[in-house]
C-alpha atoms as a PDB file:
ATOM      1  CA  MET A   1     -13.204  52.170 -41.116  1.00  0.00           C
ATOM      2  CA  ALA A   2     -11.681  48.672 -39.889  1.00  0.00           C
ATOM      3  CA  LYS A   3     -12.439  45.792 -41.870  1.00  0.00           C
ATOM      4  CA  ILE A   4     -13.979  42.598 -39.925  1.00  0.00           C
ATOM      5  CA  VAL A   5     -14.244  39.352 -40.021  1.00  0.00           C
ATOM      6  CA  VAL A   6     -15.515  37.144 -37.880  1.00  0.00           C
ATOM      7  CA  LEU A   7     -13.878  33.903 -38.173  1.00  0.00           C
ATOM      8  CA  ASN A   8     -16.000  31.188 -37.193  1.00  0.00           C
ATOM      9  CA  GLY A   9     -19.036  32.925 -35.496  1.00  0.00           C
ATOM     10  CA  GLN A  10     -21.179  29.841 -34.682  1.00  0.00           C
ATOM     11  CA  ARG A  11     -19.447  28.798 -31.912  1.00  0.00           C
ATOM     12  CA  ILE A  12     -20.725  31.893 -30.249  1.00  0.00           C
ATOM     13  CA  ASN A  13     -24.445  32.962 -32.132  1.00  0.00           C
ATOM     14  CA  TYR A  14     -25.107  29.429 -32.848  1.00  0.00           C
ATOM     15  CA  ASP A  15     -28.474  29.686 -31.916  1.00  0.00           C
ATOM     16  CA  GLY A  16     -29.040  33.077 -33.992  1.00  0.00           C
ATOM     17  CA  LEU A  17     -29.206  35.298 -30.748  1.00  0.00           C
ATOM     18  CA  ILE A  18     -26.520  36.977 -30.736  1.00  0.00           C
ATOM     19  CA  ASP A  19     -25.862  40.371 -32.529  1.00  0.00           C
ATOM     20  CA  TYR A  20     -22.325  41.377 -34.575  1.00  0.00           C
ATOM     21  CA  ASN A  21     -23.278  44.082 -36.166  1.00  0.00           C
ATOM     22  CA  ILE A  22     -21.858  45.827 -33.005  1.00  0.00           C
ATOM     23  CA  LEU A  23     -18.654  45.231 -33.873  1.00  0.00           C
ATOM     24  CA  GLY A  24     -18.891  47.774 -36.786  1.00  0.00           C
ATOM     25  CA  ASP A  25     -19.816  48.757 -39.924  1.00  0.00           C
ATOM     26  CA  ASP A  26     -18.235  46.641 -42.035  1.00  0.00           C
ATOM     27  CA  VAL A  27     -18.442  43.485 -40.487  1.00  0.00           C
ATOM     28  CA  THR A  28     -17.827  40.030 -42.437  1.00  0.00           C
ATOM     29  CA  VAL A  29     -19.062  37.038 -40.411  1.00  0.00           C
ATOM     30  CA  TYR A  30     -18.828  32.925 -41.321  1.00  0.00           C
ATOM     31  CA  GLU A  31     -20.439  30.733 -39.662  1.00  0.00           C
ATOM     32  CA  ASN A  32     -17.115  28.353 -38.950  1.00  0.00           C
ATOM     33  CA  SER A  33     -13.534  28.726 -41.131  1.00  0.00           C
ATOM     34  CA  THR A  34     -11.252  25.448 -42.661  1.00  0.00           C
ATOM     35  CA  SER A  35      -7.688  25.412 -42.011  1.00  0.00           C
ATOM     36  CA  GLU A  36      -7.177  26.687 -45.683  1.00  0.00           C
ATOM     37  CA  GLU A  37     -10.169  28.876 -45.345  1.00  0.00           C
ATOM     38  CA  ILE A  38      -8.177  31.221 -43.203  1.00  0.00           C
ATOM     39  CA  LEU A  39      -5.524  32.818 -44.722  1.00  0.00           C
ATOM     40  CA  PRO A  40      -7.877  33.357 -48.192  1.00  0.00           C
ATOM     41  CA  ARG A  41     -11.024  35.032 -45.641  1.00  0.00           C
ATOM     42  CA  LEU A  42      -8.607  37.746 -43.918  1.00  0.00           C
ATOM     43  CA  GLU A  43      -7.596  39.237 -47.257  1.00  0.00           C
ATOM     44  CA  GLY A  44      -7.640  42.801 -47.024  1.00  0.00           C
ATOM     45  CA  ALA A  45      -9.018  42.331 -43.184  1.00  0.00           C
ATOM     46  CA  GLU A  46      -7.482  45.004 -40.475  1.00  0.00           C
ATOM     47  CA  ILE A  47      -9.013  42.988 -37.433  1.00  0.00           C
ATOM     48  CA  ALA A  48      -9.847  38.849 -37.252  1.00  0.00           C
ATOM     49  CA  VAL A  49     -12.075  37.315 -34.378  1.00  0.00           C
ATOM     50  CA  THR A  50     -11.492  34.475 -33.718  1.00  0.00           C
ATOM     51  CA  LYS A  51     -13.312  31.850 -30.422  1.00  0.00           C
ATOM     52  CA  GLU A  52     -10.623  28.981 -29.773  1.00  0.00           C
ATOM     53  CA  LEU A  53      -9.790  29.065 -33.429  1.00  0.00           C
ATOM     54  CA  VAL A  54      -6.252  27.019 -33.801  1.00  0.00           C
ATOM     55  CA  LEU A  55      -3.761  28.700 -35.785  1.00  0.00           C
ATOM     56  CA  THR A  56      -0.784  27.522 -36.366  1.00  0.00           C
ATOM     57  CA  PRO A  57       2.284  29.951 -36.366  1.00  0.00           C
ATOM     58  CA  GLU A  58       2.953  29.399 -39.786  1.00  0.00           C
ATOM     59  CA  GLN A  59      -0.786  31.070 -40.829  1.00  0.00           C
ATOM     60  CA  VAL A  60      -0.291  34.047 -38.542  1.00  0.00           C
ATOM     61  CA  LEU A  61       3.142  34.253 -40.117  1.00  0.00           C
ATOM     62  CA  ALA A  62       1.472  34.304 -43.453  1.00  0.00           C
ATOM     63  CA  LEU A  63      -1.567  37.098 -42.907  1.00  0.00           C
ATOM     64  CA  PRO A  64      -2.405  39.149 -45.156  1.00  0.00           C
ATOM     65  CA  ASP A  65      -0.290  42.351 -44.059  1.00  0.00           C
ATOM     66  CA  SER A  66      -4.108  44.273 -44.128  1.00  0.00           C
ATOM     67  CA  VAL A  67      -4.530  41.810 -40.648  1.00  0.00           C
ATOM     68  CA  LYS A  68      -3.113  44.206 -37.597  1.00  0.00           C
ATOM     69  CA  LEU A  69      -5.588  43.232 -34.679  1.00  0.00           C
ATOM     70  CA  ILE A  70      -6.756  39.309 -34.056  1.00  0.00           C
ATOM     71  CA  CYS A  71      -9.219  39.450 -31.072  1.00  0.00           C
ATOM     72  CA  GLU A  72      -9.908  36.372 -29.400  1.00  0.00           C
ATOM     73  CA  ALA A  73     -13.404  36.227 -28.136  1.00  0.00           C
ATOM     74  CA  GLY A  74     -12.802  34.118 -25.010  1.00  0.00           C
ATOM     75  CA  THR A  75     -10.756  34.378 -22.049  1.00  0.00           C
ATOM     76  CA  GLY A  76      -7.837  31.608 -23.048  1.00  0.00           C
ATOM     77  CA  TYR A  77      -5.555  32.701 -25.867  1.00  0.00           C
ATOM     78  CA  ASN A  78      -3.628  29.201 -26.221  1.00  0.00           C
ATOM     79  CA  ASN A  79      -4.827  28.888 -29.945  1.00  0.00           C
ATOM     80  CA  ILE A  80      -2.897  31.790 -30.611  1.00  0.00           C
ATOM     81  CA  PRO A  81       1.337  31.457 -31.560  1.00  0.00           C
ATOM     82  CA  LEU A  82       1.998  34.612 -29.621  1.00  0.00           C
ATOM     83  CA  GLU A  83       5.465  34.718 -30.887  1.00  0.00           C
ATOM     84  CA  ALA A  84       4.195  34.386 -34.377  1.00  0.00           C
ATOM     85  CA  ALA A  85       2.294  37.300 -34.173  1.00  0.00           C
ATOM     86  CA  LYS A  86       4.759  39.551 -32.619  1.00  0.00           C
ATOM     87  CA  GLN A  87       7.387  38.330 -34.900  1.00  0.00           C
ATOM     88  CA  LYS A  88       4.359  39.357 -37.457  1.00  0.00           C
ATOM     89  CA  GLY A  89       3.536  42.823 -35.591  1.00  0.00           C
ATOM     90  CA  VAL A  90      -0.113  41.697 -34.843  1.00  0.00           C
ATOM     91  CA  MET A  91      -1.567  43.132 -31.834  1.00  0.00           C
ATOM     92  CA  VAL A  92      -3.773  40.435 -30.119  1.00  0.00           C
ATOM     93  CA  CYS A  93      -6.331  40.762 -27.218  1.00  0.00           C
ATOM     94  CA  ASN A  94      -8.845  38.719 -25.507  1.00  0.00           C
ATOM     95  CA  ILE A  95     -11.528  38.992 -23.264  1.00  0.00           C
ATOM     96  CA  PRO A  96     -10.844  38.302 -19.632  1.00  0.00           C
ATOM     97  CA  ALA A  97     -13.852  38.550 -17.818  1.00  0.00           C
ATOM     98  CA  TYR A  98     -17.293  37.817 -19.358  1.00  0.00           C
ATOM     99  CA  SER A  99     -18.038  34.472 -18.255  1.00  0.00           C
ATOM    100  CA  THR A 100     -17.045  34.668 -14.271  1.00  0.00           C
ATOM    101  CA  GLN A 101     -19.933  34.423 -12.335  1.00  0.00           C
ATOM    102  CA  ARG A 102     -21.607  31.470 -15.458  1.00  0.00           C
ATOM    103  CA  VAL A 103     -18.828  29.752 -14.854  1.00  0.00           C
ATOM    104  CA  ALA A 104     -18.541  30.056 -11.240  1.00  0.00           C
ATOM    105  CA  HIS A 105     -22.791  28.893 -11.566  1.00  0.00           C
ATOM    106  CA  THR A 106     -21.209  25.737 -12.643  1.00  0.00           C
ATOM    107  CA  ALA A 107     -18.684  24.550 -11.127  1.00  0.00           C
ATOM    108  CA  ILE A 108     -21.081  24.827  -7.927  1.00  0.00           C
ATOM    109  CA  MET A 109     -22.961  23.318  -9.764  1.00  0.00           C
ATOM    110  CA  MET A 110     -21.388  20.705 -10.723  1.00  0.00           C
ATOM    111  CA  LEU A 111     -20.167  20.698  -6.913  1.00  0.00           C
ATOM    112  CA  LEU A 112     -23.757  20.350  -5.637  1.00  0.00           C
ATOM    113  CA  ALA A 113     -24.475  17.838  -8.266  1.00  0.00           C
ATOM    114  CA  LEU A 114     -21.606  15.456  -7.541  1.00  0.00           C
ATOM    115  CA  SER A 115     -22.506  16.095  -3.703  1.00  0.00           C
ATOM    116  CA  SER A 116     -25.662  13.903  -3.820  1.00  0.00           C
ATOM    117  CA  ASN A 117     -24.783  11.619  -6.801  1.00  0.00           C
ATOM    118  CA  MET A 118     -27.172  13.155  -8.786  1.00  0.00           C
ATOM    119  CA  GLN A 119     -25.832  11.701 -12.514  1.00  0.00           C
ATOM    120  CA  LYS A 120     -26.805   8.604 -10.891  1.00  0.00           C
ATOM    121  CA  GLN A 121     -30.102   8.611  -9.086  1.00  0.00           C
ATOM    122  CA  ILE A 122     -30.801  10.793 -12.770  1.00  0.00           C
ATOM    123  CA  THR A 123     -29.655   7.337 -14.743  1.00  0.00           C
ATOM    124  CA  MET A 124     -31.982   5.076 -12.355  1.00  0.00           C
ATOM    125  CA  LEU A 125     -35.094   6.884 -13.323  1.00  0.00           C
ATOM    126  CA  ARG A 126     -33.850   6.682 -16.996  1.00  0.00           C
ATOM    127  CA  GLN A 127     -33.589   2.840 -16.513  1.00  0.00           C
ATOM    128  CA  GLY A 128     -37.013   2.917 -14.907  1.00  0.00           C
ATOM    129  CA  ASP A 129     -35.498   2.306 -11.583  1.00  0.00           C
ATOM    130  CA  ARG A 130     -37.498   4.087  -8.831  1.00  0.00           C
ATOM    131  CA  SER A 131     -36.098   2.316  -5.741  1.00  0.00           C
ATOM    132  CA  ASN A 132     -34.748   5.389  -4.254  1.00  0.00           C
ATOM    133  CA  PHE A 133     -38.342   6.770  -3.571  1.00  0.00           C
ATOM    134  CA  THR A 134     -39.973   3.499  -3.425  1.00  0.00           C
ATOM    135  CA  GLN A 135     -37.406   1.862  -0.370  1.00  0.00           C
ATOM    136  CA  HIS A 136     -34.546   4.445   0.909  1.00  0.00           C
ATOM    137  CA  LEU A 137     -31.907   7.055  -0.559  1.00  0.00           C
ATOM    138  CA  MET A 138     -30.149   4.375  -2.638  1.00  0.00           C
ATOM    139  CA  VAL A 139     -26.958   6.481  -3.470  1.00  0.00           C
ATOM    140  CA  PRO A 140     -24.460   8.528  -1.376  1.00  0.00           C
ATOM    141  CA  HIS A 141     -25.894  11.641  -0.316  1.00  0.00           C
ATOM    142  CA  THR A 142     -23.837  14.094   1.389  1.00  0.00           C
ATOM    143  CA  GLU A 143     -23.635  18.238   2.469  1.00  0.00           C
ATOM    144  CA  VAL A 144     -21.106  20.079   1.290  1.00  0.00           C
ATOM    145  CA  ASN A 145     -21.408  22.741   4.611  1.00  0.00           C
ATOM    146  CA  GLY A 146     -18.194  21.669   6.384  1.00  0.00           C
ATOM    147  CA  LYS A 147     -16.247  19.996   3.393  1.00  0.00           C
ATOM    148  CA  THR A 148     -13.369  21.687   2.486  1.00  0.00           C
ATOM    149  CA  LEU A 149     -12.672  23.272  -1.437  1.00  0.00           C
ATOM    150  CA  GLY A 150      -9.896  23.093  -2.953  1.00  0.00           C
ATOM    151  CA  ILE A 151      -9.267  26.267  -5.191  1.00  0.00           C
ATOM    152  CA  ILE A 152      -6.531  25.512  -8.051  1.00  0.00           C
ATOM    153  CA  GLY A 153      -6.210  29.040  -9.869  1.00  0.00           C
ATOM    154  CA  ALA A 154      -8.188  31.644  -8.084  1.00  0.00           C
ATOM    155  CA  GLY A 155      -8.279  34.330 -10.572  1.00  0.00           C
ATOM    156  CA  ASN A 156     -11.328  36.227 -10.865  1.00  0.00           C
ATOM    157  CA  ILE A 157     -13.374  33.144 -11.777  1.00  0.00           C
ATOM    158  CA  GLY A 158     -11.728  31.119  -9.036  1.00  0.00           C
ATOM    159  CA  ARG A 159     -12.937  33.739  -7.046  1.00  0.00           C
ATOM    160  CA  ALA A 160     -15.967  33.996  -7.609  1.00  0.00           C
ATOM    161  CA  VAL A 161     -16.513  29.900  -7.322  1.00  0.00           C
ATOM    162  CA  ILE A 162     -14.778  31.121  -3.350  1.00  0.00           C
ATOM    163  CA  ARG A 163     -17.628  33.323  -2.780  1.00  0.00           C
ATOM    164  CA  ILE A 164     -20.374  31.256  -3.668  1.00  0.00           C
ATOM    165  CA  ALA A 165     -18.797  28.475  -1.767  1.00  0.00           C
ATOM    166  CA  GLN A 166     -18.412  30.394   1.853  1.00  0.00           C
ATOM    167  CA  ALA A 167     -21.543  31.658   1.887  1.00  0.00           C
ATOM    168  CA  LEU A 168     -22.075  27.567   1.457  1.00  0.00           C
ATOM    169  CA  ASP A 169     -20.201  27.329   4.746  1.00  0.00           C
ATOM    170  CA  MET A 170     -17.171  25.224   2.965  1.00  0.00           C
ATOM    171  CA  LYS A 171     -13.367  25.129   4.353  1.00  0.00           C
ATOM    172  CA  ILE A 172     -11.380  27.016   1.718  1.00  0.00           C
ATOM    173  CA  LEU A 173      -7.937  25.962   0.264  1.00  0.00           C
ATOM    174  CA  ALA A 174      -6.582  27.647  -2.798  1.00  0.00           C
ATOM    175  CA  TYR A 175      -3.161  27.232  -4.807  1.00  0.00           C
ATOM    176  CA  THR A 176      -1.619  29.938  -6.818  1.00  0.00           C
ATOM    177  CA  ARG A 177       1.514  29.713  -8.586  1.00  0.00           C
ATOM    178  CA  THR A 178       2.389  33.041  -6.914  1.00  0.00           C
ATOM    179  CA  PRO A 179       2.868  32.874  -3.601  1.00  0.00           C
ATOM    180  CA  ARG A 180      -0.173  35.087  -1.603  1.00  0.00           C
ATOM    181  CA  ALA A 181      -1.219  35.369   2.273  1.00  0.00           C
ATOM    182  CA  ASP A 182      -4.230  34.129   3.616  1.00  0.00           C
ATOM    183  CA  GLU A 183      -7.461  36.160   3.370  1.00  0.00           C
ATOM    184  CA  ASP A 184     -10.940  36.294   4.108  1.00  0.00           C
ATOM    185  CA  GLY A 185     -11.226  32.905   5.455  1.00  0.00           C
ATOM    186  CA  ILE A 186      -8.390  31.697   2.291  1.00  0.00           C
ATOM    187  CA  HIS A 187      -5.728  28.968   3.161  1.00  0.00           C
ATOM    188  CA  TYR A 188      -3.654  29.367   0.771  1.00  0.00           C
ATOM    189  CA  CYS A 189      -1.182  26.243   0.035  1.00  0.00           C
ATOM    190  CA  SER A 190       0.807  24.378  -2.114  1.00  0.00           C
ATOM    191  CA  LEU A 191      -0.944  22.367  -4.528  1.00  0.00           C
ATOM    192  CA  ASP A 192       0.228  18.639  -2.983  1.00  0.00           C
ATOM    193  CA  GLU A 193      -1.491  20.155   0.236  1.00  0.00           C
ATOM    194  CA  VAL A 194      -5.062  21.207  -1.904  1.00  0.00           C
ATOM    195  CA  LEU A 195      -4.470  17.793  -3.572  1.00  0.00           C
ATOM    196  CA  SER A 196      -4.314  15.605   0.124  1.00  0.00           C
ATOM    197  CA  GLN A 197      -6.763  17.808   1.956  1.00  0.00           C
ATOM    198  CA  SER A 198      -9.650  18.462   0.126  1.00  0.00           C
ATOM    199  CA  ASP A 199     -12.507  16.804  -0.804  1.00  0.00           C
ATOM    200  CA  TYR A 200     -13.681  19.084  -4.211  1.00  0.00           C
ATOM    201  CA  ILE A 201     -11.057  20.453  -6.134  1.00  0.00           C
ATOM    202  CA  SER A 202     -11.878  23.123  -8.785  1.00  0.00           C
ATOM    203  CA  LEU A 203     -10.143  24.009 -11.689  1.00  0.00           C
ATOM    204  CA  HIS A 204      -9.443  27.364 -13.074  1.00  0.00           C
ATOM    205  CA  CYS A 205      -6.259  28.352 -13.980  1.00  0.00           C
ATOM    206  CA  PRO A 206      -5.479  29.458 -18.229  1.00  0.00           C
ATOM    207  CA  LEU A 207      -3.513  26.320 -19.759  1.00  0.00           C
ATOM    208  CA  ASN A 208       0.358  27.043 -20.608  1.00  0.00           C
ATOM    209  CA  GLU A 209       3.448  24.087 -20.730  1.00  0.00           C
ATOM    210  CA  GLN A 210       3.221  24.899 -17.152  1.00  0.00           C
ATOM    211  CA  THR A 211      -0.336  24.152 -16.239  1.00  0.00           C
ATOM    212  CA  ARG A 212      -0.961  20.830 -19.211  1.00  0.00           C
ATOM    213  CA  HIS A 213      -1.372  17.645 -17.242  1.00  0.00           C
ATOM    214  CA  ILE A 214      -1.548  19.586 -13.848  1.00  0.00           C
ATOM    215  CA  ILE A 215      -3.930  16.827 -12.737  1.00  0.00           C
ATOM    216  CA  ASP A 216      -1.881  13.689 -13.703  1.00  0.00           C
ATOM    217  CA  ALA A 217      -2.121   9.847 -11.995  1.00  0.00           C
ATOM    218  CA  ALA A 218      -0.112  11.586 -10.060  1.00  0.00           C
ATOM    219  CA  ALA A 219      -1.602  14.160  -8.514  1.00  0.00           C
ATOM    220  CA  ILE A 220      -4.833  11.834  -8.597  1.00  0.00           C
ATOM    221  CA  GLU A 221      -2.780   9.608  -6.384  1.00  0.00           C
ATOM    222  CA  LYS A 222      -2.914  12.394  -4.080  1.00  0.00           C
ATOM    223  CA  MET A 223      -6.002  12.662  -3.666  1.00  0.00           C
ATOM    224  CA  LYS A 224      -8.577  11.709  -0.995  1.00  0.00           C
ATOM    225  CA  PRO A 225     -10.806   8.304  -2.604  1.00  0.00           C
ATOM    226  CA  THR A 226     -14.025  10.656  -0.904  1.00  0.00           C
ATOM    227  CA  ALA A 227     -12.688  13.436  -3.233  1.00  0.00           C
ATOM    228  CA  CYS A 228     -14.375  14.573  -6.851  1.00  0.00           C
ATOM    229  CA  LEU A 229     -12.757  16.698  -9.309  1.00  0.00           C
ATOM    230  CA  ILE A 230     -14.280  19.987 -10.792  1.00  0.00           C
ATOM    231  CA  ASN A 231     -13.143  21.325 -14.434  1.00  0.00           C
ATOM    232  CA  THR A 232     -14.581  23.808 -16.199  1.00  0.00           C
ATOM    233  CA  SER A 233     -11.102  25.881 -17.282  1.00  0.00           C
ATOM    234  CA  ARG A 234      -9.766  23.806 -20.124  1.00  0.00           C
ATOM    235  CA  GLY A 235      -9.156  19.985 -21.142  1.00  0.00           C
ATOM    236  CA  ALA A 236      -6.252  20.103 -21.201  1.00  0.00           C
ATOM    237  CA  LEU A 237      -5.167  20.626 -17.495  1.00  0.00           C
ATOM    238  CA  VAL A 238      -5.950  17.504 -16.712  1.00  0.00           C
ATOM    239  CA  ASP A 239      -4.486  13.727 -17.738  1.00  0.00           C
ATOM    240  CA  GLU A 240      -7.545  12.686 -19.392  1.00  0.00           C
ATOM    241  CA  PRO A 241      -6.539   8.884 -19.831  1.00  0.00           C
ATOM    242  CA  ALA A 242      -5.436   8.989 -15.991  1.00  0.00           C
ATOM    243  CA  LEU A 243      -8.566  10.094 -14.740  1.00  0.00           C
ATOM    244  CA  ILE A 244     -11.148   7.548 -16.394  1.00  0.00           C
ATOM    245  CA  ALA A 245      -8.560   5.286 -15.141  1.00  0.00           C
ATOM    246  CA  ALA A 246      -8.869   6.180 -11.657  1.00  0.00           C
ATOM    247  CA  LEU A 247     -12.313   6.742 -12.225  1.00  0.00           C
ATOM    248  CA  GLN A 248     -13.153   3.067 -13.571  1.00  0.00           C
ATOM    249  CA  ALA A 249     -11.005   2.258 -10.471  1.00  0.00           C
ATOM    250  CA  ASN A 250     -12.873   4.519  -8.479  1.00  0.00           C
ATOM    251  CA  ARG A 251      -9.896   5.735  -6.387  1.00  0.00           C
ATOM    252  CA  ILE A 252     -11.367   8.857  -6.382  1.00  0.00           C
ATOM    253  CA  ALA A 253     -15.148   9.384  -6.035  1.00  0.00           C
ATOM    254  CA  GLY A 254     -16.224  11.324  -9.073  1.00  0.00           C
ATOM    255  CA  ALA A 255     -15.477  14.121 -11.450  1.00  0.00           C
ATOM    256  CA  ALA A 256     -17.644  16.970 -13.435  1.00  0.00           C
ATOM    257  CA  LEU A 257     -16.427  18.164 -16.728  1.00  0.00           C
ATOM    258  CA  ASP A 258     -17.487  20.968 -18.654  1.00  0.00           C
ATOM    259  CA  VAL A 259     -14.363  20.416 -20.574  1.00  0.00           C
ATOM    260  CA  GLN A 260     -12.693  17.719 -22.276  1.00  0.00           C
ATOM    261  CA  GLU A 261      -9.000  17.407 -23.696  1.00  0.00           C
ATOM    262  CA  THR A 262     -10.454  16.836 -26.987  1.00  0.00           C
ATOM    263  CA  GLU A 263     -13.402  18.750 -27.426  1.00  0.00           C
ATOM    264  CA  PRO A 264     -16.647  17.262 -28.772  1.00  0.00           C
ATOM    265  CA  PRO A 265     -14.870  14.033 -27.047  1.00  0.00           C
ATOM    266  CA  MET A 266     -14.476  10.646 -29.542  1.00  0.00           C
ATOM    267  CA  GLN A 267     -18.324   8.958 -29.130  1.00  0.00           C
ATOM    268  CA  ASP A 268     -16.183   5.946 -27.917  1.00  0.00           C
ATOM    269  CA  ASN A 269     -14.991   8.073 -24.314  1.00  0.00           C
ATOM    270  CA  PRO A 270     -15.506   5.912 -21.356  1.00  0.00           C
ATOM    271  CA  LEU A 271     -16.627  10.076 -19.851  1.00  0.00           C
ATOM    272  CA  TYR A 272     -19.871   9.877 -21.593  1.00  0.00           C
ATOM    273  CA  THR A 273     -20.992   6.732 -19.526  1.00  0.00           C
ATOM    274  CA  LEU A 274     -18.840   6.523 -17.080  1.00  0.00           C
ATOM    275  CA  GLU A 275     -21.577   6.536 -13.704  1.00  0.00           C
ATOM    276  CA  ASN A 276     -18.939   9.043 -11.212  1.00  0.00           C
ATOM    277  CA  VAL A 277     -18.887  11.800 -14.536  1.00  0.00           C
ATOM    278  CA  ILE A 278     -20.986  14.439 -14.737  1.00  0.00           C
ATOM    279  CA  LEU A 279     -20.126  15.603 -18.888  1.00  0.00           C
ATOM    280  CA  THR A 280     -21.595  18.619 -20.210  1.00  0.00           C
ATOM    281  CA  PRO A 281     -20.843  20.749 -23.396  1.00  0.00           C
ATOM    282  CA  HIS A 282     -17.878  23.027 -22.329  1.00  0.00           C
ATOM    283  CA  MET A 283     -21.841  25.307 -21.286  1.00  0.00           C
ATOM    284  CA  GLY A 284     -19.895  27.886 -19.447  1.00  0.00           C
ATOM    285  CA  TRP A 285     -19.871  30.116 -21.377  1.00  0.00           C
ATOM    286  CA  LYS A 286     -22.869  29.654 -23.686  1.00  0.00           C
ATOM    287  CA  GLY A 287     -25.213  31.134 -21.604  1.00  0.00           C
ATOM    288  CA  LEU A 288     -27.102  33.814 -23.724  1.00  0.00           C
ATOM    289  CA  GLU A 289     -26.897  37.290 -21.384  1.00  0.00           C
ATOM    290  CA  THR A 290     -23.418  35.940 -21.507  1.00  0.00           C
ATOM    291  CA  ARG A 291     -22.544  35.521 -25.001  1.00  0.00           C
ATOM    292  CA  GLN A 292     -24.224  38.764 -25.291  1.00  0.00           C
ATOM    293  CA  ARG A 293     -21.712  40.066 -22.724  1.00  0.00           C
ATOM    294  CA  LEU A 294     -18.813  38.415 -24.428  1.00  0.00           C
ATOM    295  CA  VAL A 295     -19.706  40.852 -28.083  1.00  0.00           C
ATOM    296  CA  GLU A 296     -19.893  43.726 -26.035  1.00  0.00           C
ATOM    297  CA  ILE A 297     -16.773  43.847 -24.811  1.00  0.00           C
ATOM    298  CA  LEU A 298     -15.651  42.403 -28.200  1.00  0.00           C
ATOM    299  CA  ALA A 299     -16.933  45.585 -30.010  1.00  0.00           C
ATOM    300  CA  GLY A 300     -15.000  47.658 -26.606  1.00  0.00           C
ATOM    301  CA  ASN A 301     -11.783  45.972 -27.640  1.00  0.00           C
ATOM    302  CA  ILE A 302     -12.657  46.995 -31.449  1.00  0.00           C
ATOM    303  CA  LYS A 303     -13.140  50.364 -30.632  1.00  0.00           C
ATOM    304  CA  ALA A 304     -10.954  51.311 -28.436  1.00  0.00           C
ATOM    305  CA  TYR A 305      -8.099  49.841 -31.252  1.00  0.00           C
ATOM    306  CA  GLU A 306      -9.171  52.166 -33.361  1.00  0.00           C
ATOM    307  CA  LYS A 307      -9.463  54.856 -31.692  1.00  0.00           C
ATOM    308  CA  GLY A 308      -5.602  54.435 -31.078  1.00  0.00           C
ATOM    309  CA  GLU A 309      -6.369  53.371 -27.333  1.00  0.00           C
ATOM    310  CA  PRO A 310      -6.763  49.170 -27.097  1.00  0.00           C
ATOM    311  CA  VAL A 311      -7.545  47.768 -24.456  1.00  0.00           C
ATOM    312  CA  ASN A 312      -7.529  43.764 -23.142  1.00  0.00           C
ATOM    313  CA  ARG A 313      -4.253  43.349 -25.044  1.00  0.00           C
ATOM    314  CA  VAL A 314      -1.978  39.977 -24.605  1.00  0.00           C
ATOM    315  CA  ILE A 315       0.726  41.333 -26.793  1.00  0.00           C
END
């Protein structure tokens, strides 16, 4: 019977509605773990469960010999040093497709809110400004049908966004690192073409050395002044200072960010107060059903490992 240690269970179970007991018969759950607490807490454990908890190469190399599997309770695993895990002989698995629909819905919600200038409308009401009601609509309000949505990264979530956007009669441009032939109303093209021709750009790629700051000052310069950026993937895909400068100068029309380069953003971050920004606290994966599905798949990963038939292996 494998001993399982969840190092930062509160990250998923922040409302007390998630049952970690389905992971196995010997489960210890810590709400949070500091860097200094990680190694002592894993003493004697065979399986470590983390959720976006940063592990250093030194920590992984110093893991107790009992640890044979690290389960990342999510899709992205950029927080785990894979080379160190290989060197230590520790298997790593993730959960590749637990939040596809919820994250896709978040991206589309943001797209529709941007098209309606919803952030500005809500701000006006909060400030007691009712001129949208007493006069005429005082903010831009545009249709999304007929507009072009640029998708950067057409994996499970990106393709789910595409399907919804097509139902809204949007045109689709997509950029992927591996070239693809056009299909089902999707035109695969270069990154420059996506940047320069899209009315909305939505990011759906993993974070790695090739994609870090894929949206930087040079990329933003290629975007239409009327374009909006949506990021529900990883904050560091965007060079945040460059984006802030562009938004402050109205170089682009707006941005909707469910992820930020530092989470949570510092208290003085301008993203909190810019009227052309929608900011949410990495909520795309946090729906109750989504988190329940996550833990169910996590339990499946662990059971498969215990049977000697591991699934969703990263290494």
